[in-house]
């Protein structure tokens, strides 16, 4: 009997160790054990309350059900699977990190990430495309403006060139009096004088003064032989060699073909005794006024005075020759110029330093024209 009781007591002790509620019933629980029992009761009450709250799910909340569905317990996992599930459940309560970890385990996480990347790239591409369209429009607008400016500049330049060409042709082929003077329309009137055909048809030639034709040998330095297309002015010069005759100055011009010293000549040379030499035909240019050789006739005058004053004979021959040439080429006394008026050179010397004498010379030419 004693052995049987000992065996029962042993089983009872083992049962008490397993079930704390039995210890309280048998009154053998210690104070610490009573505390543990009260805590276990609270836990039990909590489980019971959860079971009452969720009777259909066996006391499991929606979170636990979702957790069990997401992470079903596999055979052989045991406590480790439950611990991993609890850890993941704790991660669910965290902010972005928990959501990111949850997304990592989502079956659509990779697809959603790819969609987000593609969406971002598409937005960036659309934005860049819009900028490119705006840039292309701005470039096209600038190109149109540049083309308009170029067209406007071309039109302006073309108009200006047309006006200049018209003015040049007009001044080249139309005489001051409205009569064109071309090289092929100039004919000889005798004694080396050439005049336009139109002038000869309008009125008879005036009485020409006497002169001697002694043309220079054609050469580059004094008689280049180029045609004289028109006559707008008559230039008066002085030889700058005091007490030299017309023949001597003619020889100087002739020798330039050998000496090559300079380019110089004139159509007429008037000596200090009044003799007139024509050394270049009137339908050719002379090397007298560099900038006006192709539209003028030049007359060289000899002198004896230190100040360049012409002798009376030279002066009278000059007045007579000037009046004749003005009538032939339909010019006016104002068309008589000094070499000084074109280049600033003091030639003829006396008439550049005495303006009143020059005005008197042109008045005498006008009186000669009126008398004829």
Foldseek 3Di string as FASTA:
>chain_A
DVVVVVVVVVVVVVVCVVPVVVCVVVVNADPVSVVVVVVVVVVVVVQVVLCVVCVPVRSDDPLVVVLCVLQPDDPPCPPVSVVVSVVLSVLCPDDPRSVVVVLVSDPCSVVVVVVVVVVVVVVVVVVVVVVVVVVVVVVVVVVVVVVVVVVVVVVVVVVVVVVVVVVVVCVQQAAPVRHGFALVQWDDPPPLATFGPVLCVVDPADDADDAAEAAADDADQWFVPAFQGAAQAEEEFEPPDAPDFQVVVLVVSNCCRPVVPHRFYFQWEATLQQHIYGHYHPGGFGRHQPVCRRHHHYYYYYDHDPQLDGHPSSLVSVLRNVLNVCSRRVHALVRYYYSCVRPVDCGPVNCVVPVVVVVVSSVSSVVVNVVD
